[in-house]
Each structure stands twice: as C-alpha cells, then as structure tokens.
C-alpha cells in the first residue's frame, strides 16, 4: 500500500475551457501497464470544456450540481449528481455546468500508448451551441 500525497488544485487553461474550471488529480498510472487516470473537476456556472475526444474513451460521474454533456451532432444531455455518462473512443464531445449551477464530476479515462495523444482538443464551444 502506498499513501499518495495530495496535489494542489489547478485551474484549467483557457485554451481548453470556457469559464472557471478547477482540477484535482486523484489517480494516475504508477506502474508499467497501468493507464487509468481519474480527476475531480469542478465547473463554475456556465463553464465548459472545448470540443475534444479521447483515444480510449472517457467516463464522467457527476457528484454535485447539474452537468450538460453533448456529442457532436447529438442532443445535449442533462445529468444530475449520481448519474454517469460514457463517451466512446474518438467521439467529439464537450461537458460543463448548467448556466445557473456549479457542477463537479469525476473524469475517468485510460491513457493512450503515447499519453500525449490521450486527448485531442478542438475548438471552443460557442455560446450559441452551449445554449442550444
């Protein structure tokens, strides 16, 4: 067993997020063959990711507030605390908080063989797309 020291909360970069979003790492690969990454991510009202995709998919579990999640070309889905959504490999999507609610979720994914290719970041979600 290994007790893992806490890591300071970081604010996510504006190149990849709209609004205020904070990240707390929970788990990352420690030994050969491991790929799992888990983080607690907190969004201020209206804050959201840019469009992006993950090489091996991503699971989001909402722990507080109201989340909005949308796949490119699909309907926006509203999630509440206790609900989970899976975005398959390569599916372009965004996720964030509803305009009047803070939101927190656990983001879980596996790193690609080259960790630099795990997430492909795309353009920001426009206000019109966010509110549609």
Protein backbone atom coordinates (compact mmCIF):
# COMPACT_ATOMS: atom_id res chain seq x y z
CA UNK A 1 0.00 0.00 0.00
CA UNK A 2 1.17 3.50 -0.75
CA UNK A 3 -0.36 6.68 0.68
CA UNK A 4 -0.30 9.24 -2.09
CA UNK A 5 0.34 12.85 -1.05
CA UNK A 6 -2.25 15.42 -2.09
CA UNK A 7 -1.70 17.53 -5.15
CA UNK A 8 -2.66 21.22 -5.23
CA UNK A 9 -5.82 22.17 -7.10
CA UNK A 10 -5.02 23.65 -10.50
CA UNK A 11 -7.09 25.94 -12.68
CA UNK A 12 -7.62 24.52 -16.14
CA UNK A 13 -6.21 26.54 -19.06
CA UNK A 14 -8.42 28.94 -21.05
CA UNK A 15 -7.17 27.38 -24.29
CA UNK A 16 -9.22 24.27 -23.44
CA UNK A 17 -12.02 25.63 -21.22
CA UNK A 18 -14.53 28.47 -21.15
CA UNK A 19 -15.10 29.92 -17.68
CA UNK A 20 -13.58 28.84 -14.38
CA UNK A 21 -12.73 25.14 -14.07
CA UNK A 22 -10.55 23.52 -11.40
CA UNK A 23 -8.93 20.09 -11.35
CA UNK A 24 -7.80 17.84 -8.51
CA UNK A 25 -5.87 14.73 -9.65
CA UNK A 26 -6.98 11.53 -7.92
CA UNK A 27 -5.22 8.67 -9.71
CA UNK A 28 -2.62 8.29 -12.44
CA UNK A 29 -0.50 5.43 -13.76
CA UNK A 30 2.16 4.37 -11.25
CA UNK A 31 3.45 1.07 -12.60
CA UNK A 32 4.16 -0.42 -16.04
CA UNK A 33 0.99 -1.42 -17.87
CA UNK A 34 -1.27 0.96 -15.95
CA UNK A 35 -3.27 3.55 -17.90
CA UNK A 36 -6.05 4.79 -15.60
CA UNK A 37 -6.36 8.50 -14.87
CA UNK A 38 -9.02 9.93 -12.55
CA UNK A 39 -9.61 13.56 -11.62
CA UNK A 40 -12.20 15.57 -9.74
CA UNK A 41 -13.18 18.53 -11.93
CA UNK A 42 -15.25 21.47 -10.70
CA UNK A 43 -17.01 23.89 -13.04
CA UNK A 44 -18.41 27.33 -12.19
CA UNK A 45 -21.89 28.03 -13.62
CA UNK A 46 -21.69 28.19 -17.42
CA UNK A 47 -18.12 26.87 -17.54
CA UNK A 48 -17.37 24.12 -20.04
CA UNK A 49 -14.69 22.25 -21.93
CA UNK A 50 -13.81 22.90 -25.54
CA UNK A 51 -14.83 20.22 -28.01
CA UNK A 52 -12.49 17.26 -27.57
CA UNK A 53 -12.18 13.49 -27.90
CA UNK A 54 -10.29 10.74 -26.09
CA UNK A 55 -8.30 7.97 -27.77
CA UNK A 56 -9.71 5.30 -25.41
CA UNK A 57 -12.95 6.97 -24.31
CA UNK A 58 -13.95 8.74 -21.11
CA UNK A 59 -16.40 8.13 -18.27
CA UNK A 60 -17.87 11.07 -16.35
CA UNK A 61 -19.64 10.63 -12.99
CA UNK A 62 -21.45 13.71 -11.68
CA UNK A 63 -21.01 14.18 -7.93
CA UNK A 64 -22.63 17.62 -7.47
CA UNK A 65 -24.74 20.08 -9.43
CA UNK A 66 -26.09 19.91 -12.96
CA UNK A 67 -23.92 18.85 -15.90
CA UNK A 68 -24.54 19.34 -19.59
CA UNK A 69 -22.84 16.91 -21.98
CA UNK A 70 -23.11 16.80 -25.77
CA UNK A 71 -21.58 14.71 -28.54
CA UNK A 72 -21.00 16.46 -31.84
CA UNK A 73 -24.21 16.23 -33.85
CA UNK A 74 -26.16 14.82 -30.90
CA UNK A 75 -28.61 16.18 -28.37
CA UNK A 76 -27.40 17.87 -25.21
CA UNK A 77 -27.93 15.65 -22.15
CA UNK A 78 -28.53 16.96 -18.63
CA UNK A 79 -27.05 14.93 -15.79
CA UNK A 80 -27.52 15.24 -12.03
CA UNK A 81 -25.50 14.03 -9.04
CA UNK A 82 -25.15 10.25 -9.12
CA UNK A 83 -25.50 9.91 -12.91
CA UNK A 84 -22.75 8.61 -15.19
CA UNK A 85 -22.14 9.02 -18.92
CA UNK A 86 -19.63 7.27 -21.20
CA UNK A 87 -18.11 8.94 -24.27
CA UNK A 88 -16.63 6.28 -26.59
CA UNK A 89 -13.15 6.47 -28.17
CA UNK A 90 -12.81 9.21 -30.76
CA UNK A 91 -16.26 10.73 -30.09
CA UNK A 92 -16.05 14.53 -30.15
CA UNK A 93 -17.91 15.97 -27.17
CA UNK A 94 -17.96 18.70 -24.54
CA UNK A 95 -19.14 18.83 -20.93
CA UNK A 96 -19.72 21.56 -18.38
CA UNK A 97 -22.01 23.13 -15.84
CA UNK A 98 -25.52 24.40 -16.49
CA UNK A 99 -25.69 28.22 -16.57
CA UNK A 100 -27.12 28.53 -13.05
CA UNK A 101 -25.37 25.70 -11.19
CA UNK A 102 -21.90 24.76 -10.10
CA UNK A 103 -21.02 21.21 -11.17
CA UNK A 104 -18.45 18.65 -10.08
CA UNK A 105 -17.66 15.37 -11.78
CA UNK A 106 -15.12 12.59 -11.69
CA UNK A 107 -13.40 12.26 -15.07
CA UNK A 108 -12.04 8.76 -15.70
CA UNK A 109 -10.06 7.66 -18.73
CA UNK A 110 -7.20 5.47 -19.86
CA UNK A 111 -4.05 6.99 -21.33
CA UNK A 112 -3.20 6.10 -24.92
CA UNK A 113 0.07 4.29 -25.69
CA UNK A 114 1.52 7.78 -26.14
CA UNK A 115 -0.03 9.80 -23.27
CA UNK A 116 0.30 12.98 -25.37
CA UNK A 117 -2.37 11.57 -27.73
CA UNK A 118 -4.87 10.62 -24.99
CA UNK A 119 -6.99 13.75 -25.52
CA UNK A 120 -7.41 15.68 -28.76
CA UNK A 121 -8.51 19.25 -28.06
CA UNK A 122 -10.55 21.11 -30.66
CA UNK A 123 -12.32 24.48 -30.90
CA UNK A 124 -14.24 26.16 -28.09
CA UNK A 125 -17.97 25.56 -27.73
CA UNK A 126 -19.73 28.75 -28.80
CA UNK A 127 -22.31 30.41 -26.57
CA UNK A 128 -24.97 29.59 -29.19
CA UNK A 129 -24.03 25.89 -29.21
CA UNK A 130 -23.85 25.83 -25.40
CA UNK A 131 -27.34 27.32 -25.00
CA UNK A 132 -28.96 25.47 -27.93
